[in-house]
Amino acid sequence: MTAGKGSDRSAEFEIRRPEVSARGAADPDLAPSESQPPGPSAPSGPHGAWSFDLSRLLRAAWSERLRLLRLHGAVAVLAVAVVFLLPRWYTSSVTLVPAPSDGMALDFSGIGQGLGGASLSLGGAPTPQDQLKMVATSRAVADSIVKRFDLVRRWKAKRREQARDKLAEHTTVTTPKEGQLVIAVEAQSPALARDMAAAYATFAASEAVRLKTSLATQRRFYLEARLRELEGGISQASDRVRVFEEQHGAVALPEQTKETMEAAGTLEAQVALLETELAAARRYFTDEAPQVNQLRDRIAELNRQIDRLARHGGTMLLKGQELPALKQEYLQLTREQMSLTAVSELLRRVYEQARVEEANPVPSFSLLDAADLPERHSRPKRAMTVALALVLTMAASLGYLQWRGGNTVASLPGTPHIREGAGELREGKRAA
């Protein structure tokens, strides 16, 4: 009975064998091999690895063109519906520029022309553009806008801090050009965007005025204290000169002595100015800051020049040590008096300027471009959103077709029947 079954299977295999041989002759890759055991087929491509076949992918896309068209049409309709349902945001902006003179730093430029062009300024301070940006992005300005437009209720925030954070998300502060500051605000209505941008300029101006007034007040207090000290020093120096002249009956000194005193007094005045600048700098910087070290070096250099003048003199100037003791003492007294008087005159000018700025503060910036009413919404970008959705859908569709084509090589027409017939033929031979 077993032999009969074997004969039937052998006959069946003999019937199928010509079909297998014919297909194997047509396609050598599909011919059965005695050394290849039956089992799952290897992936297509060179060396049995996955490969990208553009022509096969295009054929698959063409065969599925109706499905792809329906899919892309549905995605396009859905994307259009979504972008039209999203809320529209409008953006309005203002452009601010720093004023020519903002008064934010202690600057004596142009005042000390009588001291050989010496000027008193705090180096390393923020630029006017940086100062303007700090004012525009300050919490005080944000709180004023939140309160003006009732953003806590409008945006349904639980706290003012949340409304302030959301305002920061919808506000952009940029510096596209040197000296310019652009504040752009977006809102869900054109009028609100315009009003909020204009409010930024208004509240930034008020905060800048407040800051400028505060700095002018601090500078005035400092200069008042310094002037009181100088007045006391001048009074004491004048008393000492008067006592010296009364005791010794001093008269007018030679012209060279006068020139020596003037040169020494000029150097002393420069030292006093730099000491004033050093005291002001220590209010803003640490003792190890480069600005403070630079001022110390300049003061030390001027002191060396004063000592050299006293010891060696200069062109058309007498040596201090060559003057009689009486004249030397008189020189010291008058030099101190002249230097204190020169410093007092300079600081008094700055003091008057600080008083004017405190009484009449002006904004430290100007409005270059006012806020306008936006005519078009800034987001969402409808055309870009729909195009991006279609591109992503197309890429996903082609990727799926490529993946499906790589995993269905074994199901190509004729391949399973050939391998099944080859396997049964080998089994029949073993049974025979």
Protein backbone atom coordinates (compact mmCIF):
# COMPACT_ATOMS: atom_id res chain seq x y z
CA MET A 1 0.00 0.00 0.00
CA THR A 2 2.89 2.27 0.75
CA ALA A 3 4.48 1.44 -2.53
CA GLY A 4 1.24 2.31 -4.31
CA LYS A 5 1.12 5.71 -2.71
CA GLY A 6 4.73 6.28 -3.64
CA SER A 7 3.97 5.36 -7.26
CA ASP A 8 1.03 7.78 -7.37
CA ARG A 9 3.14 10.64 -5.91
CA SER A 10 5.96 9.83 -8.39
CA ALA A 11 3.52 10.03 -11.26
CA GLU A 12 2.18 13.35 -9.97
CA PHE A 13 5.71 14.70 -9.68
CA GLU A 14 6.51 13.56 -13.19
CA ILE A 15 3.50 15.46 -14.46
CA ARG A 16 4.53 18.70 -12.68
CA ARG A 17 8.22 18.45 -13.53
CA PRO A 18 8.00 19.70 -17.14
CA GLU A 19 6.22 22.87 -15.92
CA VAL A 20 8.97 23.52 -13.41
CA SER A 21 11.68 22.86 -15.97
CA ALA A 22 10.02 25.18 -18.45
CA ARG A 23 9.76 28.03 -15.98
CA GLY A 24 13.30 27.39 -14.80
CA ALA A 25 14.54 27.65 -18.36
CA ALA A 26 12.68 30.90 -18.80
CA ASP A 27 14.05 32.35 -15.58
CA PRO A 28 17.33 30.85 -14.28
CA ASP A 29 16.86 32.51 -10.91
CA LEU A 30 13.66 30.51 -10.38
CA ALA A 31 15.17 27.10 -11.32
CA PRO A 32 15.18 24.61 -8.43
CA SER A 33 18.50 23.60 -6.96
CA GLU A 34 19.26 20.29 -5.38
CA SER A 35 21.58 21.90 -2.84
CA GLN A 36 18.97 24.49 -1.72
CA PRO A 37 16.73 23.12 0.98
CA PRO A 38 13.05 24.00 0.97
CA GLY A 39 12.09 26.96 3.10
CA PRO A 40 11.14 30.63 3.00
CA SER A 41 12.40 32.68 0.11
CA ALA A 42 15.23 35.21 0.51
CA PRO A 43 14.58 38.91 0.03
CA SER A 44 14.99 40.32 -3.41
CA GLY A 45 17.89 42.46 -4.47
CA PRO A 46 21.63 41.92 -4.75
CA HIS A 47 23.11 39.49 -2.25
CA GLY A 48 19.62 38.87 -0.80
CA ALA A 49 19.43 42.34 0.81
CA TRP A 50 16.73 45.01 0.58
CA SER A 51 17.20 47.43 -2.29
CA PHE A 52 15.39 50.49 -3.65
CA ASP A 53 13.93 49.98 -7.12
CA LEU A 54 12.52 53.23 -8.52
CA SER A 55 10.84 51.62 -11.50
CA ARG A 56 9.07 49.04 -9.32
CA LEU A 57 8.00 51.82 -6.93
CA LEU A 58 6.59 53.88 -9.81
CA ARG A 59 4.72 50.85 -11.16
CA ALA A 60 3.27 50.21 -7.73
CA ALA A 61 2.24 53.86 -7.40
CA TRP A 62 0.62 53.77 -10.85
CA SER A 63 -1.30 50.62 -10.00
CA GLU A 64 -2.53 52.26 -6.79
CA ARG A 65 -3.14 55.67 -8.36
CA LEU A 66 -6.85 55.74 -7.59
CA ARG A 67 -6.29 55.01 -3.92
CA LEU A 68 -3.48 57.56 -3.73
CA LEU A 69 -5.60 60.22 -5.40
CA ARG A 70 -8.44 59.60 -2.99
CA LEU A 71 -6.04 59.66 -0.03
CA HIS A 72 -4.35 62.89 -1.08
CA GLY A 73 -7.68 64.51 -1.84
CA ALA A 74 -8.99 63.59 1.60
CA VAL A 75 -5.83 64.93 3.25
CA ALA A 76 -6.08 68.19 1.28
CA VAL A 77 -9.73 68.65 2.26
CA LEU A 78 -8.95 67.88 5.90
CA ALA A 79 -5.96 70.28 5.94
CA VAL A 80 -8.02 73.08 4.38
CA ALA A 81 -10.77 72.53 6.94
CA VAL A 82 -8.28 72.59 9.80
CA VAL A 83 -6.49 75.77 8.70
CA PHE A 84 -9.81 77.55 8.26
CA LEU A 85 -10.96 76.45 11.71
CA LEU A 86 -7.75 77.61 13.43
CA PRO A 87 -7.90 81.10 14.98
CA ARG A 88 -6.28 83.86 12.95
CA TRP A 89 -3.57 86.04 14.50
CA TYR A 90 -2.66 89.54 13.37
CA THR A 91 0.70 91.23 13.99
CA SER A 92 1.43 94.92 14.42
CA SER A 93 4.81 96.47 15.21
CA VAL A 94 6.47 99.72 16.28
CA THR A 95 10.04 100.84 15.64
CA LEU A 96 11.96 102.78 18.28
CA VAL A 97 15.35 104.49 18.03
CA PRO A 98 17.48 105.86 20.90
CA ALA A 99 17.55 109.60 21.36
CA PRO A 100 20.82 111.40 20.49
CA SER A 101 21.54 112.04 24.17
CA ASP A 102 19.88 109.70 26.63
CA GLY A 103 21.53 110.89 29.85
CA MET A 104 21.81 107.33 31.14
CA ALA A 105 25.51 107.55 31.96
CA LEU A 106 27.72 109.95 33.85
CA ASP A 107 29.46 111.75 30.99
CA PHE A 108 31.66 114.82 31.27
CA SER A 109 32.62 114.90 27.60
CA GLY A 110 33.26 118.39 26.34
CA ILE A 111 33.28 119.91 29.83
CA GLY A 112 36.92 119.36 30.64
CA GLN A 113 38.30 121.08 27.56
CA GLY A 114 40.32 123.35 29.81
CA LEU A 115 42.11 120.30 31.15
CA GLY A 116 43.67 119.25 27.89
CA GLY A 117 40.59 117.43 26.58
CA ALA A 118 40.20 115.21 29.63
CA SER A 119 36.74 113.66 29.79
CA LEU A 120 34.90 111.73 32.43
CA SER A 121 32.82 108.81 31.25
CA LEU A 122 31.98 105.34 32.46
CA GLY A 123 33.36 102.88 29.93
CA GLY A 124 31.78 99.48 29.34
CA ALA A 125 28.21 100.68 29.98
CA PRO A 126 25.33 99.18 27.94
CA THR A 127 24.63 100.76 24.58
CA PRO A 128 21.48 102.90 24.15
CA GLN A 129 19.97 100.10 22.05
CA ASP A 130 20.56 97.57 24.85
CA GLN A 131 19.10 99.96 27.41
CA LEU A 132 16.03 100.47 25.26
CA LYS A 133 15.57 96.71 24.87
CA MET A 134 15.85 96.17 28.62
CA VAL A 135 13.17 98.79 29.24
CA ALA A 136 10.82 97.38 26.56
CA THR A 137 11.11 93.81 27.92
CA SER A 138 10.86 94.79 31.57
CA ARG A 139 8.21 93.38 33.89
CA ALA A 140 6.90 96.86 34.63
CA VAL A 141 5.97 97.43 30.98
CA ALA A 142 4.40 93.96 30.70
CA ASP A 143 2.32 94.47 33.86
CA SER A 144 1.10 97.83 32.57
CA ILE A 145 -0.07 96.24 29.30
CA VAL A 146 -1.73 93.33 31.12
CA LYS A 147 -3.62 95.79 33.28
CA ARG A 148 -4.53 98.17 30.43
CA PHE A 149 -6.10 95.46 28.23
CA ASP A 150 -7.33 93.20 31.05
CA LEU A 151 -5.41 90.27 29.60
CA VAL A 152 -6.05 88.08 32.65
CA ARG A 153 -9.76 88.00 31.82
CA ARG A 154 -9.32 88.15 28.04
CA TRP A 155 -6.97 85.16 27.95
CA LYS A 156 -8.73 83.36 30.83
CA ALA A 157 -5.56 83.20 32.89
CA LYS A 158 -5.66 82.29 36.57
CA ARG A 159 -2.94 84.71 37.64
CA ARG A 160 -1.29 87.83 36.31
CA GLU A 161 1.98 85.93 35.95
CA GLN A 162 0.36 83.55 33.45
CA ALA A 163 -1.00 86.48 31.45
CA ARG A 164 2.45 88.08 31.50
CA ASP A 165 4.07 84.87 30.23
CA LYS A 166 1.51 84.54 27.46
CA LEU A 167 2.08 88.17 26.49
CA ALA A 168 5.80 87.41 26.20
CA GLU A 169 4.97 84.47 23.90
CA HIS A 170 3.01 86.76 21.57
CA THR A 171 5.60 89.57 21.64
CA THR A 172 8.82 89.67 19.64
CA VAL A 173 11.57 92.25 20.31
CA THR A 174 14.28 92.38 17.65
CA THR A 175 17.11 94.67 16.59
CA PRO A 176 17.23 94.32 12.79
CA LYS A 177 19.48 97.35 12.30
CA GLU A 178 22.04 99.17 14.39
CA GLY A 179 20.23 101.61 16.64
CA GLN A 180 16.72 100.32 15.90
CA LEU A 181 14.37 98.30 18.11
CA VAL A 182 11.28 96.64 16.63
CA ILE A 183 8.49 95.46 18.94
CA ALA A 184 5.97 93.16 17.20
CA VAL A 185 2.78 92.06 19.00
CA GLU A 186 0.24 89.55 17.72
CA ALA A 187 -3.42 89.31 18.73
CA GLN A 188 -6.61 87.73 17.41
CA SER A 189 -7.98 91.05 16.16
CA PRO A 190 -6.21 93.73 14.10
CA ALA A 191 -7.29 96.57 16.39
CA LEU A 192 -6.04 94.81 19.52
CA ALA A 193 -2.66 94.07 17.91
CA ARG A 194 -2.27 97.72 16.91
CA ASP A 195 -3.32 99.04 20.32
CA MET A 196 -1.00 96.66 22.20
CA ALA A 197 1.97 97.60 20.01
CA ALA A 198 1.25 101.29 20.57
CA ALA A 199 0.90 100.64 24.31
CA TYR A 200 4.37 99.08 24.33
CA ALA A 201 5.82 102.34 22.99
CA THR A 202 3.80 104.44 25.45
CA PHE A 203 4.65 102.45 28.57
CA ALA A 204 8.27 102.00 27.52
CA ALA A 205 8.54 105.79 27.22
CA SER A 206 7.06 106.31 30.70
CA GLU A 207 9.39 103.71 32.23
CA ALA A 208 12.38 105.27 30.47
CA VAL A 209 11.43 108.68 31.86
CA ARG A 210 11.05 107.23 35.34
CA LEU A 211 14.43 105.51 35.09
CA LYS A 212 16.09 108.65 33.75
CA THR A 213 14.61 110.75 36.55
CA SER A 214 15.81 108.27 39.15
CA LEU A 215 19.33 108.27 37.73
CA ALA A 216 19.38 112.08 37.55
CA THR A 217 18.26 112.27 41.18
CA GLN A 218 20.98 109.88 42.31
CA ARG A 219 23.58 111.81 40.32
CA ARG A 220 22.38 115.11 41.82
CA PHE A 221 22.64 113.75 45.37
CA TYR A 222 26.16 112.52 44.69
CA LEU A 223 27.26 115.82 43.12
CA GLU A 224 25.75 117.83 45.96
CA ALA A 225 27.75 115.86 48.51
CA ARG A 226 30.90 116.17 46.43
CA LEU A 227 30.44 119.93 45.96
CA ARG A 228 30.01 120.41 49.70
CA GLU A 229 33.30 118.62 50.27
CA LEU A 230 35.01 120.76 47.63
CA GLU A 231 33.64 123.99 49.07
CA GLY A 232 35.00 123.04 52.46
CA GLY A 233 38.38 122.19 50.95
CA ILE A 234 38.51 125.46 48.99
CA SER A 235 37.65 127.45 52.11
CA GLN A 236 40.40 125.76 54.12
CA ALA A 237 42.94 126.23 51.31
CA SER A 238 42.05 129.93 51.02
CA ASP A 239 42.44 130.39 54.75
CA ARG A 240 45.88 128.78 54.68
CA VAL A 241 46.99 131.01 51.79
CA ARG A 242 45.70 134.10 53.56
CA VAL A 243 47.47 133.18 56.82
CA PHE A 244 50.71 132.51 54.91
CA GLU A 245 50.56 135.86 53.12
CA GLU A 246 49.80 137.70 56.37
CA GLN A 247 52.63 135.99 58.27
CA HIS A 248 55.30 136.33 55.58
CA GLY A 249 54.11 139.38 53.61
CA ALA A 250 54.22 137.42 50.36
CA VAL A 251 53.90 139.39 47.11
CA ALA A 252 53.47 138.38 43.40
CA LEU A 253 55.80 135.54 42.40
CA PRO A 254 57.79 135.43 39.15
CA GLU A 255 56.04 134.48 35.92
CA GLN A 256 57.71 131.10 35.79
CA THR A 257 56.47 130.31 39.24
CA LYS A 258 52.98 131.17 38.11
CA GLU A 259 53.30 128.90 35.08
CA THR A 260 54.60 126.11 37.28
CA MET A 261 51.66 126.50 39.59
CA GLU A 262 49.22 126.51 36.69
CA ALA A 263 50.72 123.35 35.19
CA ALA A 264 50.73 121.60 38.55
CA GLY A 265 47.20 122.79 39.25
CA THR A 266 46.02 121.41 35.91
CA LEU A 267 47.51 118.01 36.71
CA GLU A 268 45.99 118.07 40.18
CA ALA A 269 42.62 118.96 38.71
CA GLN A 270 42.85 116.01 36.34
CA VAL A 271 43.70 113.74 39.26
CA ALA A 272 40.73 115.07 41.20
CA LEU A 273 38.44 114.51 38.22
CA LEU A 274 39.66 110.96 37.79
CA GLU A 275 39.18 110.33 41.50
CA THR A 276 35.62 111.57 41.15
CA GLU A 277 35.11 109.26 38.18
CA LEU A 278 36.64 106.39 40.18
CA ALA A 279 34.22 107.00 43.02
CA ALA A 280 31.32 107.01 40.57
CA ALA A 281 32.58 103.86 38.83
CA ARG A 282 32.76 101.96 42.11
CA ARG A 283 29.03 102.43 42.42
CA TYR A 284 28.49 100.39 39.26
CA PHE A 285 31.51 98.05 39.11
CA THR A 286 33.62 96.00 41.49
CA ASP A 287 37.15 96.98 42.53
CA GLU A 288 38.60 94.36 40.17
CA ALA A 289 36.67 95.54 37.11
CA PRO A 290 38.75 96.69 34.09
CA GLN A 291 37.17 100.15 34.23
CA VAL A 292 38.26 100.65 37.85
CA ASN A 293 41.80 99.38 37.18
CA GLN A 294 42.10 101.69 34.17
CA LEU A 295 41.12 104.70 36.25
CA ARG A 296 43.64 103.76 38.94
CA ASP A 297 46.40 103.51 36.35
CA ARG A 298 45.57 106.94 34.94
CA ILE A 299 45.58 108.47 38.41
CA ALA A 300 48.95 106.87 39.17
CA GLU A 301 50.41 108.20 35.90
CA LEU A 302 49.23 111.74 36.64
CA ASN A 303 50.70 111.56 40.13
CA ARG A 304 54.03 110.55 38.60
CA GLN A 305 53.85 113.56 36.29
CA ILE A 306 53.15 115.83 39.25
CA ASP A 307 56.11 114.40 41.13
CA ARG A 308 58.34 114.81 38.07
CA LEU A 309 57.23 118.43 37.75
CA ALA A 310 58.06 119.12 41.38
CA ARG A 311 61.47 117.43 41.15
CA HIS A 312 62.67 118.22 37.63
CA GLY A 313 60.34 120.85 36.26
CA GLY A 314 59.80 121.18 32.53
CA THR A 315 60.29 123.41 29.52
CA MET A 316 60.19 127.04 30.69
CA LEU A 317 59.20 125.84 34.16
CA LEU A 318 61.24 126.08 37.32
CA LYS A 319 62.11 123.10 39.45
CA GLY A 320 60.16 123.04 42.62
CA GLN A 321 63.22 122.19 44.70
CA GLU A 322 65.07 125.24 43.38
CA LEU A 323 62.51 127.66 44.75
CA PRO A 324 63.18 129.10 48.16
CA ALA A 325 61.44 127.41 51.01
CA LEU A 326 59.04 130.29 51.25
CA LYS A 327 58.05 130.08 47.64
CA GLN A 328 57.80 126.29 47.85
CA GLU A 329 55.30 126.50 50.66
CA TYR A 330 53.37 129.19 48.84
CA LEU A 331 53.33 127.02 45.72
CA GLN A 332 51.79 124.11 47.58
CA LEU A 333 49.11 126.28 49.12
CA THR A 334 48.09 128.02 45.92
CA ARG A 335 48.27 124.80 43.89
CA GLU A 336 45.79 123.10 46.21
CA GLN A 337 43.49 126.09 46.07
CA MET A 338 43.57 126.27 42.26
CA SER A 339 42.94 122.56 41.75
CA LEU A 340 39.98 122.51 44.13
CA THR A 341 38.51 125.58 42.45
CA ALA A 342 38.85 124.05 38.97
CA VAL A 343 37.18 120.80 40.04
CA SER A 344 34.40 122.72 41.75
CA GLU A 345 33.64 124.69 38.59
CA LEU A 346 33.45 121.55 36.47
CA LEU A 347 31.26 119.62 38.88
CA ARG A 348 28.94 122.57 39.29
CA ARG A 349 28.21 122.54 35.57
CA VAL A 350 27.38 118.85 35.72
CA TYR A 351 25.28 119.45 38.81
CA GLU A 352 23.20 122.05 36.99
CA GLN A 353 22.74 119.66 34.09
CA ALA A 354 21.52 116.94 36.48
CA ARG A 355 19.03 119.34 38.03
CA VAL A 356 17.63 120.19 34.60
CA GLU A 357 17.28 116.52 33.67
CA GLU A 358 15.57 115.76 36.96
CA ALA A 359 13.10 118.62 36.60
CA ASN A 360 12.46 118.16 32.87
CA PRO A 361 12.93 114.46 31.97
CA VAL A 362 12.45 113.48 28.34
CA PRO A 363 12.18 109.96 26.87
CA SER A 364 15.48 108.38 26.01
CA PHE A 365 14.17 107.17 22.63
CA SER A 366 12.01 108.35 19.74
CA LEU A 367 9.18 106.65 17.86
CA LEU A 368 10.31 106.01 14.28
CA ASP A 369 7.40 103.90 12.96
CA ALA A 370 4.03 103.98 14.72
CA ALA A 371 1.81 100.93 15.07
CA ASP A 372 -0.46 100.37 12.06
CA LEU A 373 -3.65 98.34 11.57
CA PRO A 374 -2.69 94.97 10.00
CA GLU A 375 -4.67 94.12 6.86
CA ARG A 376 -3.75 90.42 6.64
CA HIS A 377 -3.34 87.79 9.30
CA SER A 378 0.19 86.63 10.09
CA ARG A 379 -0.71 83.05 10.97
CA PRO A 380 -1.70 80.35 10.27
CA LYS A 381 0.01 80.13 6.88
CA ARG A 382 -2.80 78.33 5.06
CA ALA A 383 -1.13 77.58 1.75
CA MET A 384 2.08 76.45 3.43
CA THR A 385 0.18 74.22 5.87
CA VAL A 386 -1.83 72.48 3.12
CA ALA A 387 1.27 72.02 0.95
CA LEU A 388 3.23 70.57 3.86
CA ALA A 389 0.40 68.13 4.66
CA LEU A 390 0.31 66.94 1.03
CA VAL A 391 4.09 66.52 0.88
CA LEU A 392 4.15 64.49 4.09
CA THR A 393 1.25 62.33 2.88
CA MET A 394 3.01 61.68 -0.42
CA ALA A 395 6.23 60.71 1.34
CA ALA A 396 4.36 58.37 3.68
CA SER A 397 2.49 56.77 0.78
CA LEU A 398 5.64 56.11 -1.23
CA GLY A 399 7.36 54.75 1.86
CA TYR A 400 4.48 52.36 2.47
CA LEU A 401 4.52 51.16 -1.15
CA GLN A 402 8.27 50.57 -0.97
CA TRP A 403 7.91 48.61 2.28
CA ARG A 404 5.03 46.54 0.95
CA GLY A 405 6.87 45.77 -2.28
CA GLY A 406 9.93 44.58 -0.35
CA ASN A 407 7.86 42.26 1.86
CA THR A 408 5.80 40.70 -0.95
CA VAL A 409 8.53 39.47 -3.27
CA ALA A 410 7.74 35.89 -2.29
CA SER A 411 4.13 36.33 -3.50
CA LEU A 412 5.07 37.24 -7.10
CA PRO A 413 3.15 35.19 -9.77
CA GLY A 414 4.63 31.70 -10.21
CA THR A 415 7.25 31.84 -7.48
CA PRO A 416 5.39 29.87 -4.76
CA HIS A 417 4.26 27.17 -7.22
CA ILE A 418 7.76 26.70 -8.58
CA ARG A 419 9.35 26.30 -5.17
CA GLU A 420 6.52 24.10 -3.93
CA GLY A 421 6.85 21.85 -6.97
CA ALA A 422 10.63 21.66 -6.58
CA GLY A 423 10.28 20.71 -2.93
CA GLU A 424 7.72 17.98 -3.64
CA LEU A 425 9.89 16.64 -6.47
CA ARG A 426 12.86 16.29 -4.14
CA GLU A 427 10.69 14.52 -1.56
CA GLY A 428 9.42 12.12 -4.25
CA LYS A 429 12.95 11.26 -5.29
CA ARG A 430 13.92 10.48 -1.73
CA ALA A 431 10.84 8.24 -1.29
CA ALA A 432 11.58 6.37 -4.54
